[in-house]
Amino acid sequence: MSKGKIRAANIPVYVFLLFCSLLALFPFYIMLIMGTYKNEDLFRGLRLLPGSYIFENIKTIMATDFPLYYRNSLLVSTGAAAGALLLSSLTGYAFAKFKFRGKNLLFFFILGSIMVPPQVGLVGFVTEMRWFGMVNTFFPLIIPAWASAFGVFWMRQYIGATVPNELLESAKIDGSNTMHTFVFIVMPVIRPALITLFLLFFLWNWNDYLLPLIILNNQRLITIPLSISLIGQLYRNDYAARILSLAVATIPILILFIAGSKYLIKGLVTGSVKG
């Protein structure tokens, strides 16, 4: 079969993928469009074309210190994702490539913690944070996120599947110590997993609502999910402005996923099985 015929045979596939992409982006488009109308117009039917009320909605959003809340969410999400990524990769590397006493028992204990809903220990966690004097700070939102059982499991599986023991033995023969081997040999190999895990950690912490709701009582410290409930006027819920703020809040997520899309699927597929 010629190259031209192969390309012609792929046209239906491309059309189907384009249709699926447009279908997936349609809710986001509608969210943007709804943010350009008055609150009352949202109850008069579905709008497909932009309205003329977007600047008023932007003023409503900015009246609630939205840039400050945006910065808070970026700080919390980035700090939590970076710390969780570092500890998960180091711990996963240890479980995948080192032998030590109680290794399997400890790993099963970490896996068992995944099955415990975080809401179960919420009361004890809040009490502990009060005892340490960390309520109304970002520390309870950042530091506990570093201890990710899922991240440890993910990195153990990925490193075990992609980093051969012969590579590590060669580095050891050449005089490379453990940390040098991890930073300059292992990390370049597991880059897709690192990027994928960072995206997941960032997304989870960016969308977290329950923990900031309980920990943060200072309005200047709240994050994006909490700030959306403040948008509006007295005795009136401004849904149009809230929808526009939701659309703006998804921008960092879209940028990160577009930038990391090259490694995202590779990281998901390779990390799903251990070869």
Protein backbone atom coordinates (compact mmCIF):
# COMPACT_ATOMS: atom_id res chain seq x y z
CA MET A 1 0.00 0.00 0.00
CA SER A 2 1.37 3.40 -0.97
CA LYS A 3 2.08 6.19 1.50
CA GLY A 4 -0.76 8.29 0.09
CA LYS A 5 -3.27 5.47 0.55
CA ILE A 6 -2.12 4.96 4.13
CA ARG A 7 -2.67 8.65 4.89
CA ALA A 8 -6.10 8.53 3.23
CA ALA A 9 -7.02 5.49 5.34
CA ASN A 10 -6.10 7.42 8.50
CA ILE A 11 -8.43 10.34 7.73
CA PRO A 12 -11.46 8.77 9.52
CA VAL A 13 -9.27 8.19 12.57
CA TYR A 14 -8.13 11.83 12.58
CA VAL A 15 -11.71 13.03 12.14
CA PHE A 16 -12.87 10.87 15.05
CA LEU A 17 -10.02 12.11 17.28
CA LEU A 18 -10.82 15.71 16.35
CA PHE A 19 -14.46 15.15 17.22
CA CYS A 20 -13.51 13.65 20.60
CA SER A 21 -11.18 16.58 21.29
CA LEU A 22 -13.86 19.13 20.50
CA LEU A 23 -16.36 17.21 22.62
CA ALA A 24 -13.94 17.22 25.56
CA LEU A 25 -13.25 20.95 25.19
CA PHE A 26 -16.89 21.92 24.75
CA PRO A 27 -17.69 22.19 28.50
CA PHE A 28 -14.69 24.46 29.00
CA TYR A 29 -15.81 26.61 26.07
CA ILE A 30 -19.32 26.87 27.53
CA MET A 31 -17.81 27.84 30.88
CA LEU A 32 -15.88 30.67 29.23
CA ILE A 33 -18.97 31.84 27.33
CA MET A 34 -21.14 31.81 30.46
CA GLY A 35 -18.60 34.03 32.17
CA THR A 36 -19.25 36.79 29.64
CA TYR A 37 -22.97 37.22 30.49
CA LYS A 38 -24.98 38.71 33.31
CA ASN A 39 -26.04 36.41 36.09
CA GLU A 40 -29.71 36.65 35.05
CA ASP A 41 -28.93 35.70 31.43
CA LEU A 42 -27.64 32.27 32.48
CA PHE A 43 -31.20 31.15 33.27
CA ARG A 44 -32.55 32.00 29.82
CA GLY A 45 -31.01 29.12 27.92
CA LEU A 46 -27.67 27.84 26.67
CA ARG A 47 -25.41 30.51 25.15
CA LEU A 48 -22.94 29.65 22.40
CA LEU A 49 -21.64 33.12 21.51
CA PRO A 50 -19.73 35.50 23.82
CA GLY A 51 -21.62 38.20 25.67
CA SER A 52 -20.66 41.76 26.55
CA TYR A 53 -20.62 41.56 30.36
CA ILE A 54 -17.16 40.07 30.79
CA PHE A 55 -15.45 43.23 32.09
CA GLU A 56 -18.08 43.69 34.80
CA ASN A 57 -17.59 40.08 35.85
CA ILE A 58 -13.82 40.61 35.95
CA LYS A 59 -14.34 43.64 38.22
CA THR A 60 -16.50 41.50 40.50
CA ILE A 61 -13.78 38.86 40.68
CA MET A 62 -11.00 41.35 41.36
CA ALA A 63 -13.04 42.93 44.15
CA THR A 64 -12.41 39.79 46.23
CA ASP A 65 -8.56 39.89 46.06
CA PHE A 66 -8.63 37.08 43.51
CA PRO A 67 -4.94 37.56 42.50
CA LEU A 68 -3.97 36.99 46.14
CA TYR A 69 -5.95 33.76 46.30
CA TYR A 70 -4.42 32.73 42.98
CA ARG A 71 -0.95 33.24 44.44
CA ASN A 72 -1.89 31.25 47.53
CA SER A 73 -3.02 28.30 45.43
CA LEU A 74 0.13 28.43 43.30
CA LEU A 75 2.32 28.49 46.41
CA VAL A 76 0.51 25.62 48.11
CA SER A 77 0.21 23.43 45.01
CA THR A 78 3.79 23.95 43.85
CA GLY A 79 5.28 23.40 47.31
CA ALA A 80 3.20 20.29 47.95
CA ALA A 81 3.87 18.82 44.50
CA ALA A 82 7.63 19.50 44.57
CA GLY A 83 8.11 18.02 48.05
CA ALA A 84 5.94 14.99 47.32
CA LEU A 85 7.78 14.37 44.07
CA LEU A 86 11.21 14.48 45.75
CA LEU A 87 10.31 12.17 48.64
CA SER A 88 8.29 9.79 46.46
CA SER A 89 11.11 9.39 43.95
CA LEU A 90 13.75 8.82 46.65
CA THR A 91 11.59 6.35 48.58
CA GLY A 92 10.47 4.55 45.44
CA TYR A 93 14.10 4.24 44.33
CA ALA A 94 15.03 2.71 47.68
CA PHE A 95 12.20 0.17 47.52
CA ALA A 96 12.94 -0.71 43.89
CA LYS A 97 16.72 -1.09 43.97
CA PHE A 98 17.91 -1.61 47.55
CA LYS A 99 17.68 -4.61 49.87
CA PHE A 100 17.11 -4.02 53.57
CA ARG A 101 15.45 -5.77 56.47
CA GLY A 102 11.67 -5.41 56.63
CA LYS A 103 11.47 -3.99 53.11
CA ASN A 104 8.38 -5.93 52.00
CA LEU A 105 6.57 -5.43 55.31
CA LEU A 106 7.20 -1.69 55.22
CA PHE A 107 6.07 -1.45 51.60
CA PHE A 108 2.84 -3.32 52.34
CA PHE A 109 2.25 -0.96 55.27
CA ILE A 110 2.60 2.01 52.89
CA LEU A 111 0.19 0.38 50.44
CA GLY A 112 -2.26 -0.27 53.26
CA SER A 113 -2.35 3.43 54.10
CA ILE A 114 -3.82 4.10 50.65
CA MET A 115 -6.96 2.22 51.64
CA VAL A 116 -7.59 4.51 54.64
CA PRO A 117 -9.72 7.54 53.63
CA PRO A 118 -8.02 10.78 54.66
CA GLN A 119 -11.29 12.00 56.17
CA VAL A 120 -11.00 9.32 58.87
CA GLY A 121 -8.04 11.04 60.53
CA LEU A 122 -9.17 14.59 59.84
CA VAL A 123 -10.17 15.39 63.44
CA GLY A 124 -6.90 14.09 64.81
CA PHE A 125 -4.95 15.95 62.13
CA VAL A 126 -6.61 19.27 62.93
CA THR A 127 -6.01 18.73 66.66
CA GLU A 128 -2.36 18.00 65.96
CA MET A 129 -1.98 21.11 63.83
CA ARG A 130 -3.50 23.20 66.61
CA TRP A 131 -1.04 21.72 69.08
CA PHE A 132 1.86 22.65 66.78
CA GLY A 133 0.40 26.11 66.20
CA MET A 134 0.13 25.61 62.44
CA VAL A 135 -3.53 26.49 61.98
CA ASN A 136 -3.96 29.46 59.62
CA THR A 137 -0.67 28.69 57.91
CA PHE A 138 0.20 26.91 54.67
CA PHE A 139 2.30 24.24 56.39
CA PRO A 140 -0.62 21.81 57.05
CA LEU A 141 -1.49 22.02 53.35
CA ILE A 142 2.05 21.52 52.06
CA ILE A 143 4.05 19.28 54.39
CA PRO A 144 1.52 16.39 54.88
CA ALA A 145 1.14 16.14 51.10
CA TRP A 146 4.79 15.13 50.86
CA ALA A 147 4.03 11.74 52.45
CA SER A 148 2.27 10.22 49.45
CA ALA A 149 1.81 6.45 49.50
CA PHE A 150 0.58 6.56 45.93
CA GLY A 151 3.70 8.45 44.85
CA VAL A 152 5.97 5.86 46.50
CA PHE A 153 4.11 3.00 44.83
CA TRP A 154 4.17 4.77 41.46
CA MET A 155 7.91 5.47 41.54
CA ARG A 156 8.77 1.98 42.78
CA GLN A 157 6.88 0.43 39.87
CA TYR A 158 8.32 2.81 37.30
CA ILE A 159 11.93 2.59 38.47
CA GLY A 160 11.71 -1.19 38.69
CA ALA A 161 10.44 -1.33 35.09
CA THR A 162 12.76 1.20 33.43
CA VAL A 163 16.06 1.32 35.34
CA PRO A 164 18.14 -1.86 34.79
CA ASN A 165 20.36 -3.09 37.59
CA GLU A 166 23.29 -3.31 35.17
CA LEU A 167 23.17 0.47 34.71
CA LEU A 168 23.45 1.04 38.45
CA GLU A 169 26.24 -1.51 38.81
CA SER A 170 28.20 0.18 36.02
CA ALA A 171 27.82 3.54 37.74
CA LYS A 172 29.01 2.03 41.03
CA ILE A 173 32.07 0.53 39.33
CA ASP A 174 32.88 3.96 37.86
CA GLY A 175 32.93 5.41 41.39
CA SER A 176 29.51 7.06 41.49
CA ASN A 177 27.95 7.26 44.95
CA THR A 178 24.26 6.63 45.68
CA MET A 179 23.06 10.23 45.46
CA HIS A 180 25.14 11.00 42.36
CA THR A 181 23.74 7.90 40.67
CA PHE A 182 20.17 8.88 41.52
CA VAL A 183 20.47 12.50 40.36
CA PHE A 184 22.52 12.08 37.19
CA ILE A 185 21.63 8.56 36.03
CA VAL A 186 18.25 7.51 37.43
CA MET A 187 16.39 10.83 37.22
CA PRO A 188 16.97 11.36 33.46
CA VAL A 189 15.64 7.85 32.83
CA ILE A 190 12.49 8.35 34.93
CA ARG A 191 11.73 11.87 33.63
CA PRO A 192 8.30 10.88 32.21
CA ALA A 193 7.26 9.51 35.61
CA LEU A 194 8.53 12.62 37.40
CA ILE A 195 6.59 14.96 35.13
CA THR A 196 3.44 12.83 35.28
CA LEU A 197 3.55 12.60 39.06
CA PHE A 198 4.18 16.34 39.43
CA LEU A 199 1.12 17.07 37.28
CA LEU A 200 -1.04 14.75 39.37
CA PHE A 201 0.19 16.17 42.68
CA PHE A 202 -0.29 19.73 41.48
CA LEU A 203 -3.82 18.99 40.26
CA TRP A 204 -4.88 17.29 43.49
CA ASN A 205 -3.61 20.11 45.69
CA TRP A 206 -4.93 22.84 43.38
CA ASN A 207 -8.45 21.38 43.60
CA ASP A 208 -8.36 20.55 47.32
CA TYR A 209 -11.30 22.11 49.13
CA LEU A 210 -11.92 20.26 52.39
CA LEU A 211 -8.54 20.67 54.11
CA PRO A 212 -8.13 24.42 53.39
CA LEU A 213 -11.73 24.91 54.54
CA ILE A 214 -10.89 23.46 57.95
CA ILE A 215 -7.33 24.75 58.41
CA LEU A 216 -7.58 28.30 57.04
CA ASN A 217 -9.74 30.81 58.90
CA ASN A 218 -7.84 33.88 57.72
CA GLN A 219 -9.49 35.16 54.55
CA ARG A 220 -6.18 36.39 53.11
CA LEU A 221 -4.76 32.86 53.20
CA ILE A 222 -7.55 30.98 51.45
CA THR A 223 -7.04 29.23 48.12
CA ILE A 224 -8.94 29.35 44.84
CA PRO A 225 -11.62 26.71 45.64
CA LEU A 226 -12.59 28.59 48.81
CA SER A 227 -12.40 32.04 47.24
CA ILE A 228 -15.05 31.22 44.62
CA SER A 229 -17.73 31.15 47.32
CA LEU A 230 -16.85 34.78 48.20
CA ILE A 231 -17.55 36.10 44.71
CA GLY A 232 -20.80 37.99 44.48
CA GLN A 233 -22.73 40.63 46.36
CA LEU A 234 -24.73 40.71 49.57
CA TYR A 235 -27.84 38.48 49.35
CA ARG A 236 -26.97 37.60 45.73
CA ASN A 237 -25.03 34.72 44.22
CA ASP A 238 -23.23 35.90 41.12
CA TYR A 239 -22.95 32.61 39.25
CA ALA A 240 -21.61 34.21 36.06
CA ALA A 241 -18.62 35.74 37.88
CA ARG A 242 -18.02 32.47 39.72
CA ILE A 243 -18.03 30.52 36.47
CA LEU A 244 -15.56 32.98 34.97
CA SER A 245 -13.29 32.58 38.00
CA LEU A 246 -13.46 28.80 37.57
CA ALA A 247 -12.39 29.20 33.95
CA VAL A 248 -9.47 31.40 34.98
CA ALA A 249 -8.53 28.91 37.71
CA THR A 250 -8.12 26.13 35.14
CA ILE A 251 -5.46 28.04 33.17
CA PRO A 252 -2.42 26.77 35.18
CA ILE A 253 -3.71 23.21 34.89
CA LEU A 254 -4.11 23.53 31.12
CA ILE A 255 -0.65 25.04 30.72
CA LEU A 256 1.00 22.31 32.78
CA PHE A 257 -0.80 19.47 31.02
CA ILE A 258 -0.06 20.91 27.58
CA ALA A 259 3.61 21.39 28.47
CA GLY A 260 3.88 17.88 29.92
CA SER A 261 1.70 16.05 27.43
CA LYS A 262 4.79 14.62 25.71
CA TYR A 263 5.67 12.63 28.82
CA LEU A 264 2.25 12.20 30.41
CA ILE A 265 0.97 9.17 28.47
CA LYS A 266 4.40 7.54 28.48
CA GLY A 267 4.59 7.92 32.22
CA LEU A 268 1.07 6.55 32.75
CA VAL A 269 1.59 3.52 30.50
CA THR A 270 5.07 2.56 31.69
CA GLY A 271 4.23 3.07 35.35
CA SER A 272 1.12 0.90 35.20
CA VAL A 273 3.04 -2.38 34.97
CA LYS A 274 6.35 -3.64 36.20
CA GLY A 275 8.39 -5.37 33.53
